[in-house]
């Protein structure tokens, strides 16, 4: 059983053998289809290249922002540590009392 495309191909081949003008039109059509396929392939390559560039640029931007944020967090942590150390130096008894209270509460919670 012949498929529709093979039937069409046979009809075109039979007609093109008898009509040279039709033969030229079929050849031109084949060339046009080949050109369209080549153009689509080129567009696909360009789109893929553009997407790769965009992804690389986005990655670099995110990386830089992440590093800046990490540096900011480290700076704030150091400042907080310095403030805490200063507070312990200024009020050692209060610090010991707070630490003992927190320890007592944690012990109560852990026991339950």
Protein backbone atom coordinates (compact mmCIF):
# COMPACT_ATOMS: atom_id res chain seq x y z
CA UNK A 1 0.00 0.00 0.00
CA UNK A 2 1.55 3.28 -1.13
CA UNK A 3 1.61 6.29 1.13
CA UNK A 4 0.26 9.68 0.14
CA UNK A 5 3.73 11.20 -0.09
CA UNK A 6 4.97 8.43 -2.41
CA UNK A 7 1.86 8.85 -4.58
CA UNK A 8 2.45 12.60 -4.82
CA UNK A 9 6.12 12.03 -5.59
CA UNK A 10 5.19 9.57 -8.38
CA UNK A 11 2.68 12.01 -9.88
CA UNK A 12 5.24 14.85 -9.76
CA UNK A 13 7.93 12.64 -11.28
CA UNK A 14 5.58 11.48 -14.07
CA UNK A 15 4.44 15.02 -14.80
CA UNK A 16 7.94 16.47 -14.67
CA UNK A 17 9.18 13.92 -17.19
CA UNK A 18 6.61 15.11 -19.71
CA UNK A 19 6.74 18.84 -18.91
CA UNK A 20 10.17 20.51 -18.76
CA UNK A 21 8.65 23.71 -17.32
CA UNK A 22 7.21 21.73 -14.43
CA UNK A 23 10.62 20.13 -13.97
CA UNK A 24 12.19 23.57 -13.58
CA UNK A 25 9.50 24.62 -11.11
CA UNK A 26 10.03 21.47 -9.02
CA UNK A 27 13.80 22.11 -9.00
CA UNK A 28 13.22 25.74 -7.94
CA UNK A 29 10.84 24.59 -5.22
CA UNK A 30 13.42 22.10 -3.93
CA UNK A 31 16.03 24.86 -3.87
CA UNK A 32 13.66 27.20 -2.01
CA UNK A 33 12.93 24.50 0.58
CA UNK A 34 16.66 23.89 1.03
CA UNK A 35 17.23 27.64 1.49
CA UNK A 36 14.42 27.85 4.05
CA UNK A 37 15.88 24.89 5.96
CA UNK A 38 19.32 26.51 5.98
CA UNK A 39 17.87 29.81 7.19
CA UNK A 40 15.96 28.08 9.99
CA UNK A 41 19.13 26.24 11.02
CA UNK A 42 21.06 29.53 11.11
CA UNK A 43 18.31 31.17 13.19
CA UNK A 44 18.37 28.23 15.59
CA UNK A 45 22.15 28.49 16.01
CA UNK A 46 21.95 32.25 16.58
CA UNK A 47 19.17 31.82 19.13
CA UNK A 48 21.14 29.14 20.98
CA UNK A 49 24.25 31.34 20.98
CA UNK A 50 22.27 34.32 22.30
CA UNK A 51 20.67 32.19 25.02
CA UNK A 52 24.10 30.90 26.08
CA UNK A 53 25.48 34.44 26.28
CA UNK A 54 22.47 35.61 28.27
CA UNK A 55 22.76 32.70 30.70
CA UNK A 56 26.48 33.31 31.19
CA UNK A 57 25.87 37.01 31.81
CA UNK A 58 23.08 36.26 34.31
CA UNK A 59 25.32 33.75 36.09
CA UNK A 60 28.16 36.27 36.41
CA UNK A 61 25.78 38.96 37.71
CA UNK A 62 24.28 36.58 40.27
CA UNK A 63 27.74 35.45 41.34
CA UNK A 64 28.93 39.02 41.91
CA UNK A 65 25.78 39.91 43.84
CA UNK A 66 26.10 36.77 45.94
CA UNK A 67 29.71 37.58 46.81
CA UNK A 68 28.77 41.14 47.74
CA UNK A 69 25.92 39.90 49.95
CA UNK A 70 28.22 37.36 51.63
CA UNK A 71 30.76 40.11 52.33
CA UNK A 72 28.01 42.28 53.85
CA UNK A 73 26.82 39.40 56.06
CA UNK A 74 30.38 38.74 57.24
CA UNK A 75 30.82 42.43 58.06
CA UNK A 76 27.59 42.52 60.07
CA UNK A 77 28.55 39.32 61.90
CA UNK A 78 31.91 40.83 62.86
CA UNK A 79 30.21 44.01 64.08
CA UNK A 80 27.73 41.97 66.13
CA UNK A 81 30.56 39.90 67.60
CA UNK A 82 32.46 43.07 68.54
CA UNK A 83 29.35 44.55 70.18
CA UNK A 84 28.74 41.33 72.11
CA UNK A 85 32.35 41.18 73.28
CA UNK A 86 32.17 44.81 74.37
CA UNK A 87 28.92 44.15 76.26
CA UNK A 88 30.48 41.17 78.06
CA UNK A 89 33.48 43.30 79.05
CA UNK A 90 31.26 46.09 80.38
CA UNK A 91 28.73 43.86 82.22
CA UNK A 92 30.32 40.50 83.11
CA UNK A 93 27.90 39.67 85.94
CA UNK A 94 24.83 40.41 83.84
CA UNK A 95 26.23 38.25 81.06
CA UNK A 96 26.82 35.33 83.43
CA UNK A 97 23.29 35.69 84.84
CA UNK A 98 21.73 35.73 81.36
CA UNK A 99 23.78 32.72 80.28
CA UNK A 100 22.75 30.81 83.42
CA UNK A 101 19.09 31.69 82.84
CA UNK A 102 19.19 30.55 79.21
CA UNK A 103 20.94 27.33 80.25
CA UNK A 104 18.29 26.69 82.91
CA UNK A 105 15.46 27.21 80.38
CA UNK A 106 17.13 24.91 77.85
CA UNK A 107 17.55 22.25 80.54
CA UNK A 108 13.84 22.49 81.39
CA UNK A 109 12.85 22.18 77.75
CA UNK A 110 15.22 19.26 77.14
CA UNK A 111 13.91 17.37 80.16
CA UNK A 112 10.34 17.27 78.87
